[in-house]
Amino acid sequence: MNRIVIVYKRYFLDFYEIQNSDVQKKIEWTLNLIQVTSQIPEKYFKHLEGTVGLFEIRVEVSGNIFRIFCFFDKGNLVVLGNGFQKKTQKTPKKEIEKALRIMEDYKNENKKN
């Protein structure tokens, strides 16, 4: 199973570019895992409960936890949205709302094309 990972606008890149090299390497490793692994372990990739079609990519580096929201388009196309560093047990509602807006924007843009 090969998936294609793409970024939508600059949401993911803005997050990625401010991370240190260790975090960037782990993000890249995790994205590669998502591209080439048929059954992605939930430790790295999980559907976000209470949403329709929103997933989180899970990255941990030296005890720091990072999340990148994403969704699927056309089966095997994974679209990256926003990312953030998780500092509490619960995912901040504003980050989920932002991810849902990004997903909606993407879908509306692609309806036109």
PDB file of N, CA and C in Angstrom:
ATOM      1  N   MET A   1       0.861  -1.198   0.000  1.00  0.00           N
ATOM      2  CA  MET A   1       0.000   0.000   0.000  1.00  0.00           C
ATOM      3  C   MET A   1       0.884   1.231   0.000  1.00  0.00           C
ATOM      4  N   ASN A   2       0.839   1.995  -1.054  1.00  0.00           N
ATOM      5  CA  ASN A   2       1.572   3.256  -1.081  1.00  0.00           C
ATOM      6  C   ASN A   2       0.598   4.407  -0.980  1.00  0.00           C
ATOM      7  N   ARG A   3       0.886   5.289  -0.062  1.00  0.00           N
ATOM      8  CA  ARG A   3       0.106   6.517   0.072  1.00  0.00           C
ATOM      9  C   ARG A   3       0.978   7.678  -0.392  1.00  0.00           C
ATOM     10  N   ILE A   4       0.328   8.705  -0.838  1.00  0.00           N
ATOM     11  CA  ILE A   4       1.024   9.926  -1.237  1.00  0.00           C
ATOM     12  C   ILE A   4       0.665  10.983  -0.196  1.00  0.00           C
ATOM     13  N   VAL A   5       1.690  11.621   0.363  1.00  0.00           N
ATOM     14  CA  VAL A   5       1.481  12.656   1.364  1.00  0.00           C
ATOM     15  C   VAL A   5       1.750  14.005   0.716  1.00  0.00           C
ATOM     16  N   ILE A   6       0.777  14.914   0.833  1.00  0.00           N
ATOM     17  CA  ILE A   6       0.944  16.269   0.288  1.00  0.00           C
ATOM     18  C   ILE A   6       0.621  17.292   1.379  1.00  0.00           C
ATOM     19  N   VAL A   7       1.090  18.506   1.175  1.00  0.00           N
ATOM     20  CA  VAL A   7       0.755  19.596   2.103  1.00  0.00           C
ATOM     21  C   VAL A   7      -0.285  20.485   1.446  1.00  0.00           C
ATOM     22  N   TYR A   8      -1.137  21.038   2.277  1.00  0.00           N
ATOM     23  CA  TYR A   8      -2.142  21.985   1.782  1.00  0.00           C
ATOM     24  C   TYR A   8      -1.783  23.364   2.311  1.00  0.00           C
ATOM     25  N   LYS A   9      -1.585  24.281   1.382  1.00  0.00           N
ATOM     26  CA  LYS A   9      -1.131  25.638   1.687  1.00  0.00           C
ATOM     27  C   LYS A   9       0.130  25.557   2.541  1.00  0.00           C
ATOM     28  N   ARG A  10       0.272  26.430   3.553  1.00  0.00           N
ATOM     29  CA  ARG A  10       1.523  26.445   4.345  1.00  0.00           C
ATOM     30  C   ARG A  10       1.297  26.008   5.789  1.00  0.00           C
ATOM     31  N   TYR A  11       0.138  25.491   6.099  1.00  0.00           N
ATOM     32  CA  TYR A  11      -0.162  25.165   7.500  1.00  0.00           C
ATOM     33  C   TYR A  11       0.883  24.221   8.097  1.00  0.00           C
ATOM     34  N   PHE A  12       1.109  23.096   7.458  1.00  0.00           N
ATOM     35  CA  PHE A  12       2.082  22.129   7.960  1.00  0.00           C
ATOM     36  C   PHE A  12       3.497  22.697   7.897  1.00  0.00           C
ATOM     37  N   LEU A  13       3.864  23.320   6.779  1.00  0.00           N
ATOM     38  CA  LEU A  13       5.227  23.830   6.611  1.00  0.00           C
ATOM     39  C   LEU A  13       5.571  24.875   7.660  1.00  0.00           C
ATOM     40  N   ASP A  14       4.619  25.745   7.998  1.00  0.00           N
ATOM     41  CA  ASP A  14       4.870  26.753   9.034  1.00  0.00           C
ATOM     42  C   ASP A  14       5.206  26.081  10.366  1.00  0.00           C
ATOM     43  N   PHE A  15       4.516  24.999  10.674  1.00  0.00           N
ATOM     44  CA  PHE A  15       4.780  24.235  11.892  1.00  0.00           C
ATOM     45  C   PHE A  15       6.128  23.512  11.792  1.00  0.00           C
ATOM     46  N   TYR A  16       6.347  22.825  10.699  1.00  0.00           N
ATOM     47  CA  TYR A  16       7.548  22.005  10.501  1.00  0.00           C
ATOM     48  C   TYR A  16       8.826  22.847  10.561  1.00  0.00           C
ATOM     49  N   GLU A  17       8.829  23.991   9.915  1.00  0.00           N
ATOM     50  CA  GLU A  17      10.037  24.797   9.783  1.00  0.00           C
ATOM     51  C   GLU A  17      10.533  25.374  11.105  1.00  0.00           C
ATOM     52  N   ILE A  18       9.681  25.494  12.103  1.00  0.00           N
ATOM     53  CA  ILE A  18      10.128  26.055  13.383  1.00  0.00           C
ATOM     54  C   ILE A  18      10.601  24.970  14.363  1.00  0.00           C
ATOM     55  N   GLN A  19      10.520  23.700  13.961  1.00  0.00           N
ATOM     56  CA  GLN A  19      10.963  22.617  14.830  1.00  0.00           C
ATOM     57  C   GLN A  19      12.476  22.408  14.696  1.00  0.00           C
ATOM     58  N   ASN A  20      13.083  21.850  15.756  1.00  0.00           N
ATOM     59  CA  ASN A  20      14.515  21.569  15.680  1.00  0.00           C
ATOM     60  C   ASN A  20      14.752  20.348  14.777  1.00  0.00           C
ATOM     61  N   SER A  21      16.003  20.083  14.459  1.00  0.00           N
ATOM     62  CA  SER A  21      16.304  19.045  13.479  1.00  0.00           C
ATOM     63  C   SER A  21      15.888  17.652  13.960  1.00  0.00           C
ATOM     64  N   ASP A  22      15.966  17.377  15.263  1.00  0.00           N
ATOM     65  CA  ASP A  22      15.535  16.069  15.772  1.00  0.00           C
ATOM     66  C   ASP A  22      14.040  15.853  15.543  1.00  0.00           C
ATOM     67  N   VAL A  23      13.263  16.884  15.794  1.00  0.00           N
ATOM     68  CA  VAL A  23      11.813  16.790  15.585  1.00  0.00           C
ATOM     69  C   VAL A  23      11.515  16.658  14.095  1.00  0.00           C
ATOM     70  N   GLN A  24      12.193  17.434  13.265  1.00  0.00           N
ATOM     71  CA  GLN A  24      11.991  17.342  11.818  1.00  0.00           C
ATOM     72  C   GLN A  24      12.306  15.940  11.307  1.00  0.00           C
ATOM     73  N   LYS A  25      13.396  15.350  11.784  1.00  0.00           N
ATOM     74  CA  LYS A  25      13.768  13.993  11.355  1.00  0.00           C
ATOM     75  C   LYS A  25      12.693  12.987  11.752  1.00  0.00           C
ATOM     76  N   LYS A  26      12.152  13.105  12.953  1.00  0.00           N
ATOM     77  CA  LYS A  26      11.130  12.164  13.416  1.00  0.00           C
ATOM     78  C   LYS A  26       9.834  12.371  12.631  1.00  0.00           C
ATOM     79  N   ILE A  27       9.498  13.616  12.313  1.00  0.00           N
ATOM     80  CA  ILE A  27       8.323  13.885  11.472  1.00  0.00           C
ATOM     81  C   ILE A  27       8.511  13.221  10.108  1.00  0.00           C
ATOM     82  N   GLU A  28       9.679  13.411   9.514  1.00  0.00           N
ATOM     83  CA  GLU A  28       9.956  12.816   8.203  1.00  0.00           C
ATOM     84  C   GLU A  28       9.883  11.291   8.277  1.00  0.00           C
ATOM     85  N   TRP A  29      10.431  10.702   9.328  1.00  0.00           N
ATOM     86  CA  TRP A  29      10.392   9.252   9.513  1.00  0.00           C
ATOM     87  C   TRP A  29       8.942   8.771   9.593  1.00  0.00           C
ATOM     88  N   THR A  30       8.126   9.494  10.364  1.00  0.00           N
ATOM     89  CA  THR A  30       6.720   9.119  10.542  1.00  0.00           C
ATOM     90  C   THR A  30       5.944   9.272   9.236  1.00  0.00           C
ATOM     91  N   LEU A  31       6.186  10.340   8.503  1.00  0.00           N
ATOM     92  CA  LEU A  31       5.507  10.529   7.215  1.00  0.00           C
ATOM     93  C   LEU A  31       5.888   9.418   6.238  1.00  0.00           C
ATOM     94  N   ASN A  32       7.143   9.003   6.257  1.00  0.00           N
ATOM     95  CA  ASN A  32       7.566   7.897   5.403  1.00  0.00           C
ATOM     96  C   ASN A  32       6.847   6.606   5.797  1.00  0.00           C
ATOM     97  N   LEU A  33       6.735   6.359   7.094  1.00  0.00           N
ATOM     98  CA  LEU A  33       6.014   5.187   7.590  1.00  0.00           C
ATOM     99  C   LEU A  33       4.579   5.174   7.058  1.00  0.00           C
ATOM    100  N   ILE A  34       3.935   6.327   7.087  1.00  0.00           N
ATOM    101  CA  ILE A  34       2.549   6.448   6.617  1.00  0.00           C
ATOM    102  C   ILE A  34       2.464   6.149   5.118  1.00  0.00           C
ATOM    103  N   GLN A  35       3.484   6.540   4.378  1.00  0.00           N
ATOM    104  CA  GLN A  35       3.482   6.315   2.928  1.00  0.00           C
ATOM    105  C   GLN A  35       3.648   4.845   2.555  1.00  0.00           C
ATOM    106  N   VAL A  36       4.434   4.103   3.309  1.00  0.00           N
ATOM    107  CA  VAL A  36       4.808   2.759   2.855  1.00  0.00           C
ATOM    108  C   VAL A  36       4.216   1.599   3.665  1.00  0.00           C
ATOM    109  N   THR A  37       3.567   1.862   4.780  1.00  0.00           N
ATOM    110  CA  THR A  37       3.056   0.797   5.638  1.00  0.00           C
ATOM    111  C   THR A  37       1.559   0.615   5.430  1.00  0.00           C
ATOM    112  N   SER A  38       1.147  -0.620   5.178  1.00  0.00           N
ATOM    113  CA  SER A  38      -0.284  -0.855   4.930  1.00  0.00           C
ATOM    114  C   SER A  38      -1.106  -0.698   6.211  1.00  0.00           C
ATOM    115  N   GLN A  39      -0.662  -1.235   7.317  1.00  0.00           N
ATOM    116  CA  GLN A  39      -1.358  -1.100   8.600  1.00  0.00           C
ATOM    117  C   GLN A  39      -0.510  -0.204   9.492  1.00  0.00           C
ATOM    118  N   ILE A  40      -0.830   1.074   9.557  1.00  0.00           N
ATOM    119  CA  ILE A  40      -0.040   2.014  10.349  1.00  0.00           C
ATOM    120  C   ILE A  40      -0.406   1.825  11.827  1.00  0.00           C
ATOM    121  N   PRO A  41       0.576   1.604  12.695  1.00  0.00           N
ATOM    122  CA  PRO A  41       0.269   1.465  14.118  1.00  0.00           C
ATOM    123  C   PRO A  41      -0.398   2.725  14.666  1.00  0.00           C
ATOM    124  N   GLU A  42      -1.384   2.520  15.548  1.00  0.00           N
ATOM    125  CA  GLU A  42      -2.126   3.642  16.134  1.00  0.00           C
ATOM    126  C   GLU A  42      -1.200   4.588  16.901  1.00  0.00           C
ATOM    127  N   LYS A  43      -0.068   4.099  17.314  1.00  0.00           N
ATOM    128  CA  LYS A  43       0.907   4.940  18.003  1.00  0.00           C
ATOM    129  C   LYS A  43       1.320   6.132  17.129  1.00  0.00           C
ATOM    130  N   TYR A  44       1.251   5.957  15.807  1.00  0.00           N
ATOM    131  CA  TYR A  44       1.700   6.997  14.867  1.00  0.00           C
ATOM    132  C   TYR A  44       0.574   7.659  14.082  1.00  0.00           C
ATOM    133  N   PHE A  45      -0.583   7.017  14.010  1.00  0.00           N
ATOM    134  CA  PHE A  45      -1.641   7.519  13.122  1.00  0.00           C
ATOM    135  C   PHE A  45      -2.983   7.070  13.674  1.00  0.00           C
ATOM    136  N   LYS A  46      -3.858   8.020  13.945  1.00  0.00           N
ATOM    137  CA  LYS A  46      -5.125   7.666  14.593  1.00  0.00           C
ATOM    138  C   LYS A  46      -6.249   8.584  14.126  1.00  0.00           C
ATOM    139  N   HIS A  47      -7.428   7.993  13.925  1.00  0.00           N
ATOM    140  CA  HIS A  47      -8.623   8.785  13.616  1.00  0.00           C
ATOM    141  C   HIS A  47      -8.980   9.590  14.849  1.00  0.00           C
ATOM    142  N   LEU A  48      -9.359  10.839  14.651  1.00  0.00           N
ATOM    143  CA  LEU A  48      -9.725  11.706  15.767  1.00  0.00           C
ATOM    144  C   LEU A  48     -11.196  11.489  16.114  1.00  0.00           C
ATOM    145  N   GLU A  49     -11.435  10.954  17.285  1.00  0.00           N
ATOM    146  CA  GLU A  49     -12.810  10.661  17.719  1.00  0.00           C
ATOM    147  C   GLU A  49     -13.669  11.914  17.672  1.00  0.00           C
ATOM    148  N   GLY A  50     -14.927  11.718  17.295  1.00  0.00           N
ATOM    149  CA  GLY A  50     -15.867  12.830  17.234  1.00  0.00           C
ATOM    150  C   GLY A  50     -15.786  13.651  15.959  1.00  0.00           C
ATOM    151  N   THR A  51     -14.966  13.209  15.009  1.00  0.00           N
ATOM    152  CA  THR A  51     -14.859  13.927  13.734  1.00  0.00           C
ATOM    153  C   THR A  51     -15.143  12.953  12.592  1.00  0.00           C
ATOM    154  N   VAL A  52     -15.436  13.521  11.441  1.00  0.00           N
ATOM    155  CA  VAL A  52     -15.634  12.712  10.242  1.00  0.00           C
ATOM    156  C   VAL A  52     -14.437  12.945   9.333  1.00  0.00           C
ATOM    157  N   GLY A  53     -13.559  11.946   9.259  1.00  0.00           N
ATOM    158  CA  GLY A  53     -12.454  12.003   8.312  1.00  0.00           C
ATOM    159  C   GLY A  53     -11.199  12.718   8.759  1.00  0.00           C
ATOM    160  N   LEU A  54     -11.127  13.160  10.012  1.00  0.00           N
ATOM    161  CA  LEU A  54      -9.931  13.862  10.475  1.00  0.00           C
ATOM    162  C   LEU A  54      -9.048  12.881  11.251  1.00  0.00           C
ATOM    163  N   PHE A  55      -7.758  12.874  10.918  1.00  0.00           N
ATOM    164  CA  PHE A  55      -6.794  11.989  11.560  1.00  0.00           C
ATOM    165  C   PHE A  55      -5.680  12.820  12.167  1.00  0.00           C
ATOM    166  N   GLU A  56      -4.963  12.215  13.107  1.00  0.00           N
ATOM    167  CA  GLU A  56      -3.790  12.883  13.654  1.00  0.00           C
ATOM    168  C   GLU A  56      -2.580  11.981  13.484  1.00  0.00           C
ATOM    169  N   ILE A  57      -1.502  12.599  13.035  1.00  0.00           N
ATOM    170  CA  ILE A  57      -0.213  11.937  12.956  1.00  0.00           C
ATOM    171  C   ILE A  57       0.466  12.246  14.283  1.00  0.00           C
ATOM    172  N   ARG A  58       0.961  11.204  14.924  1.00  0.00           N
ATOM    173  CA  ARG A  58       1.488  11.324  16.275  1.00  0.00           C
ATOM    174  C   ARG A  58       3.002  11.170  16.258  1.00  0.00           C
ATOM    175  N   VAL A  59       3.685  12.183  16.791  1.00  0.00           N
ATOM    176  CA  VAL A  59       5.142  12.194  16.806  1.00  0.00           C
ATOM    177  C   VAL A  59       5.600  12.500  18.231  1.00  0.00           C
ATOM    178  N   GLU A  60       6.546  11.704  18.720  1.00  0.00           N
ATOM    179  CA  GLU A  60       7.109  11.960  20.050  1.00  0.00           C
ATOM    180  C   GLU A  60       8.620  11.984  19.948  1.00  0.00           C
ATOM    181  N   VAL A  61       9.224  13.041  20.527  1.00  0.00           N
ATOM    182  CA  VAL A  61      10.676  13.194  20.517  1.00  0.00           C
ATOM    183  C   VAL A  61      11.111  13.669  21.899  1.00  0.00           C
ATOM    184  N   SER A  62      11.944  12.897  22.552  1.00  0.00           N
ATOM    185  CA  SER A  62      12.482  13.260  23.874  1.00  0.00           C
ATOM    186  C   SER A  62      11.390  13.686  24.859  1.00  0.00           C
ATOM    187  N   GLY A  63      10.308  12.968  24.886  1.00  0.00           N
ATOM    188  CA  GLY A  63       9.226  13.275  25.825  1.00  0.00           C
ATOM    189  C   GLY A  63       8.290  14.387  25.370  1.00  0.00           C
ATOM    190  N   ASN A  64       8.616  15.051  24.267  1.00  0.00           N
ATOM    191  CA  ASN A  64       7.735  16.084  23.713  1.00  0.00           C
ATOM    192  C   ASN A  64       6.804  15.432  22.696  1.00  0.00           C
ATOM    193  N   ILE A  65       5.546  15.841  22.738  1.00  0.00           N
ATOM    194  CA  ILE A  65       4.536  15.238  21.868  1.00  0.00           C
ATOM    195  C   ILE A  65       4.070  16.271  20.846  1.00  0.00           C
ATOM    196  N   PHE A  66       4.009  15.843  19.593  1.00  0.00           N
ATOM    197  CA  PHE A  66       3.576  16.701  18.495  1.00  0.00           C
ATOM    198  C   PHE A  66       2.452  16.001  17.749  1.00  0.00           C
ATOM    199  N   ARG A  67       1.524  16.785  17.228  1.00  0.00           N
ATOM    200  CA  ARG A  67       0.425  16.250  16.445  1.00  0.00           C
ATOM    201  C   ARG A  67       0.328  17.028  15.137  1.00  0.00           C
ATOM    202  N   ILE A  68       0.046  16.286  14.071  1.00  0.00           N
ATOM    203  CA  ILE A  68      -0.189  16.897  12.759  1.00  0.00           C
ATOM    204  C   ILE A  68      -1.530  16.357  12.284  1.00  0.00           C
ATOM    205  N   PHE A  69      -2.467  17.251  12.010  1.00  0.00           N
ATOM    206  CA  PHE A  69      -3.770  16.815  11.536  1.00  0.00           C
ATOM    207  C   PHE A  69      -3.710  16.571  10.037  1.00  0.00           C
ATOM    208  N   CYS A  70      -4.465  15.580   9.596  1.00  0.00           N
ATOM    209  CA  CYS A  70      -4.503  15.260   8.183  1.00  0.00           C
ATOM    210  C   CYS A  70      -5.837  14.601   7.845  1.00  0.00           C
ATOM    211  N   PHE A  71      -6.048  14.404   6.539  1.00  0.00           N
ATOM    212  CA  PHE A  71      -7.264  13.747   6.063  1.00  0.00           C
ATOM    213  C   PHE A  71      -6.951  13.133   4.713  1.00  0.00           C
ATOM    214  N   PHE A  72      -7.833  12.262   4.277  1.00  0.00           N
ATOM    215  CA  PHE A  72      -7.633  11.567   3.004  1.00  0.00           C
ATOM    216  C   PHE A  72      -8.404  12.252   1.884  1.00  0.00           C
ATOM    217  N   ASP A  73      -7.849  12.150   0.682  1.00  0.00           N
ATOM    218  CA  ASP A  73      -8.526  12.590  -0.525  1.00  0.00           C
ATOM    219  C   ASP A  73      -8.239  11.532  -1.589  1.00  0.00           C
ATOM    220  N   LYS A  74      -9.260  11.112  -2.289  1.00  0.00           N
ATOM    221  CA  LYS A  74      -9.109  10.131  -3.367  1.00  0.00           C
ATOM    222  C   LYS A  74      -8.355   8.880  -2.914  1.00  0.00           C
ATOM    223  N   GLY A  75      -8.781   8.304  -1.816  1.00  0.00           N
ATOM    224  CA  GLY A  75      -8.250   7.021  -1.360  1.00  0.00           C
ATOM    225  C   GLY A  75      -6.907   7.056  -0.685  1.00  0.00           C
ATOM    226  N   ASN A  76      -5.833   7.137  -1.467  1.00  0.00           N
ATOM    227  CA  ASN A  76      -4.504   7.015  -0.871  1.00  0.00           C
ATOM    228  C   ASN A  76      -3.746   8.335  -0.768  1.00  0.00           C
ATOM    229  N   LEU A  77      -4.424   9.451  -0.977  1.00  0.00           N
ATOM    230  CA  LEU A  77      -3.788  10.763  -0.887  1.00  0.00           C
ATOM    231  C   LEU A  77      -4.018  11.317   0.514  1.00  0.00           C
ATOM    232  N   VAL A  78      -2.924  11.510   1.270  1.00  0.00           N
ATOM    233  CA  VAL A  78      -3.009  12.047   2.629  1.00  0.00           C
ATOM    234  C   VAL A  78      -2.641  13.522   2.565  1.00  0.00           C
ATOM    235  N   VAL A  79      -3.565  14.377   3.015  1.00  0.00           N
ATOM    236  CA  VAL A  79      -3.369  15.823   2.963  1.00  0.00           C
ATOM    237  C   VAL A  79      -3.036  16.323   4.373  1.00  0.00           C
ATOM    238  N   LEU A  80      -1.861  16.957   4.501  1.00  0.00           N
ATOM    239  CA  LEU A  80      -1.435  17.480   5.798  1.00  0.00           C
ATOM    240  C   LEU A  80      -2.017  18.855   6.042  1.00  0.00           C
ATOM    241  N   GLY A  81      -2.516  19.053   7.245  1.00  0.00           N
ATOM    242  CA  GLY A  81      -3.031  20.360   7.662  1.00  0.00           C
ATOM    243  C   GLY A  81      -2.112  20.965   8.703  1.00  0.00           C
ATOM    244  N   ASN A  82      -2.693  21.445   9.788  1.00  0.00           N
ATOM    245  CA  ASN A  82      -1.919  22.110  10.828  1.00  0.00           C
ATOM    246  C   ASN A  82      -1.260  21.121  11.778  1.00  0.00           C
ATOM    247  N   GLY A  83      -0.209  21.589  12.428  1.00  0.00           N
ATOM    248  CA  GLY A  83       0.475  20.815  13.444  1.00  0.00           C
ATOM    249  C   GLY A  83       0.696  21.674  14.671  1.00  0.00           C
ATOM    250  N   PHE A  84       0.936  21.016  15.801  1.00  0.00           N
ATOM    251  CA  PHE A  84       1.178  21.750  17.043  1.00  0.00           C
ATOM    252  C   PHE A  84       1.890  20.841  18.028  1.00  0.00           C
ATOM    253  N   GLN A  85       2.481  21.461  19.047  1.00  0.00           N
ATOM    254  CA  GLN A  85       3.078  20.682  20.130  1.00  0.00           C
ATOM    255  C   GLN A  85       2.028  20.501  21.204  1.00  0.00           C
ATOM    256  N   LYS A  86       1.817  19.278  21.586  1.00  0.00           N
ATOM    257  CA  LYS A  86       0.784  18.949  22.571  1.00  0.00           C
ATOM    258  C   LYS A  86       1.384  19.077  23.970  1.00  0.00           C
ATOM    259  N   LYS A  87       0.783  19.942  24.790  1.00  0.00           N
ATOM    260  CA  LYS A  87       1.330  20.192  26.124  1.00  0.00           C
ATOM    261  C   LYS A  87       0.393  19.724  27.236  1.00  0.00           C
ATOM    262  N   THR A  88      -0.815  19.309  26.862  1.00  0.00           N
ATOM    263  CA  THR A  88      -1.763  18.809  27.850  1.00  0.00           C
ATOM    264  C   THR A  88      -2.283  17.455  27.381  1.00  0.00           C
ATOM    265  N   GLN A  89      -2.954  16.748  28.272  1.00  0.00           N
ATOM    266  CA  GLN A  89      -3.486  15.424  27.933  1.00  0.00           C
ATOM    267  C   GLN A  89      -4.512  15.510  26.813  1.00  0.00           C
ATOM    268  N   LYS A  90      -5.353  16.549  26.874  1.00  0.00           N
ATOM    269  CA  LYS A  90      -6.439  16.706  25.910  1.00  0.00           C
ATOM    270  C   LYS A  90      -5.983  17.589  24.748  1.00  0.00           C
ATOM    271  N   THR A  91      -6.373  17.206  23.532  1.00  0.00           N
ATOM    272  CA  THR A  91      -6.043  18.019  22.355  1.00  0.00           C
ATOM    273  C   THR A  91      -6.842  19.319  22.414  1.00  0.00           C
ATOM    274  N   PRO A  92      -6.164  20.467  22.295  1.00  0.00           N
ATOM    275  CA  PRO A  92      -6.873  21.748  22.371  1.00  0.00           C
ATOM    276  C   PRO A  92      -7.976  21.868  21.314  1.00  0.00           C
ATOM    277  N   LYS A  93      -9.138  22.309  21.757  1.00  0.00           N
ATOM    278  CA  LYS A  93     -10.297  22.428  20.872  1.00  0.00           C
ATOM    279  C   LYS A  93     -10.013  23.367  19.702  1.00  0.00           C
ATOM    280  N   LYS A  94      -9.273  24.457  19.963  1.00  0.00           N
ATOM    281  CA  LYS A  94      -8.994  25.428  18.886  1.00  0.00           C
ATOM    282  C   LYS A  94      -8.157  24.796  17.777  1.00  0.00           C
ATOM    283  N   GLU A  95      -7.278  23.846  18.117  1.00  0.00           N
ATOM    284  CA  GLU A  95      -6.474  23.161  17.100  1.00  0.00           C
ATOM    285  C   GLU A  95      -7.349  22.232  16.261  1.00  0.00           C
ATOM    286  N   ILE A  96      -8.286  21.544  16.905  1.00  0.00           N
ATOM    287  CA  ILE A  96      -9.213  20.670  16.174  1.00  0.00           C
ATOM    288  C   ILE A  96     -10.094  21.503  15.253  1.00  0.00           C
ATOM    289  N   GLU A  97     -10.613  22.626  15.769  1.00  0.00           N
ATOM    290  CA  GLU A  97     -11.464  23.501  14.952  1.00  0.00           C
ATOM    291  C   GLU A  97     -10.701  24.040  13.751  1.00  0.00           C
ATOM    292  N   LYS A  98      -9.438  24.411  13.957  1.00  0.00           N
ATOM    293  CA  LYS A  98      -8.605  24.893  12.850  1.00  0.00           C
ATOM    294  C   LYS A  98      -8.431  23.791  11.807  1.00  0.00           C
ATOM    295  N   ALA A  99      -8.160  22.564  12.268  1.00  0.00           N
ATOM    296  CA  ALA A  99      -7.977  21.428  11.351  1.00  0.00           C
ATOM    297  C   ALA A  99      -9.245  21.169  10.549  1.00  0.00           C
ATOM    298  N   LEU A 100     -10.388  21.249  11.192  1.00  0.00           N
ATOM    299  CA  LEU A 100     -11.655  21.032  10.492  1.00  0.00           C
ATOM    300  C   LEU A 100     -11.902  22.117   9.448  1.00  0.00           C
ATOM    301  N   ARG A 101     -11.539  23.368   9.767  1.00  0.00           N
ATOM    302  CA  ARG A 101     -11.666  24.467   8.795  1.00  0.00           C
ATOM    303  C   ARG A 101     -10.753  24.235   7.594  1.00  0.00           C
ATOM    304  N   ILE A 102      -9.528  23.796   7.865  1.00  0.00           N
ATOM    305  CA  ILE A 102      -8.570  23.518   6.787  1.00  0.00           C
ATOM    306  C   ILE A 102      -9.111  22.417   5.885  1.00  0.00           C
ATOM    307  N   MET A 103      -9.634  21.356   6.480  1.00  0.00           N
ATOM    308  CA  MET A 103     -10.185  20.251   5.701  1.00  0.00           C
ATOM    309  C   MET A 103     -11.361  20.730   4.848  1.00  0.00           C
ATOM    310  N   GLU A 104     -12.224  21.538   5.425  1.00  0.00           N
ATOM    311  CA  GLU A 104     -13.379  22.078   4.697  1.00  0.00           C
ATOM    312  C   GLU A 104     -12.922  22.975   3.543  1.00  0.00           C
ATOM    313  N   ASP A 105     -11.949  23.855   3.802  1.00  0.00           N
ATOM    314  CA  ASP A 105     -11.406  24.724   2.750  1.00  0.00           C
ATOM    315  C   ASP A 105     -10.846  23.896   1.595  1.00  0.00           C
ATOM    316  N   TYR A 106     -10.086  22.866   1.930  1.00  0.00           N
ATOM    317  CA  TYR A 106      -9.485  22.005   0.914  1.00  0.00           C
ATOM    318  C   TYR A 106     -10.574  21.364   0.053  1.00  0.00           C
ATOM    319  N   LYS A 107     -11.575  20.820   0.706  1.00  0.00           N
ATOM    320  CA  LYS A 107     -12.650  20.143  -0.025  1.00  0.00           C
ATOM    321  C   LYS A 107     -13.423  21.123  -0.900  1.00  0.00           C
ATOM    322  N   ASN A 108     -13.680  22.327  -0.385  1.00  0.00           N
ATOM    323  CA  ASN A 108     -14.384  23.331  -1.187  1.00  0.00           C
ATOM    324  C   ASN A 108     -13.553  23.768  -2.383  1.00  0.00           C
ATOM    325  N   GLU A 109     -12.262  23.942  -2.199  1.00  0.00           N
ATOM    326  CA  GLU A 109     -11.370  24.326  -3.310  1.00  0.00           C
ATOM    327  C   GLU A 109     -11.344  23.244  -4.385  1.00  0.00           C
ATOM    328  N   ASN A 110     -11.314  21.989  -3.956  1.00  0.00           N
ATOM    329  CA  ASN A 110     -11.215  20.893  -4.918  1.00  0.00           C
ATOM    330  C   ASN A 110     -12.524  20.558  -5.606  1.00  0.00           C
ATOM    331  N   LYS A 111     -13.636  21.021  -5.065  1.00  0.00           N
ATOM    332  CA  LYS A 111     -14.916  20.871  -5.750  1.00  0.00           C
ATOM    333  C   LYS A 111     -14.942  21.732  -7.005  1.00  0.00           C
ATOM    334  N   LYS A 112     -14.316  22.915  -6.892  1.00  0.00           N
ATOM    335  CA  LYS A 112     -14.290  23.871  -8.000  1.00  0.00           C
ATOM    336  C   LYS A 112     -13.415  23.380  -9.148  1.00  0.00           C
ATOM    337  N   ASN A 113     -12.361  22.648  -8.802  1.00  0.00           N
ATOM    338  CA  ASN A 113     -11.375  22.239  -9.830  1.00  0.00           C
ATOM    339  C   ASN A 113     -11.811  20.994 -10.569  1.00  0.00           C
TER     340      ASN A 113
END
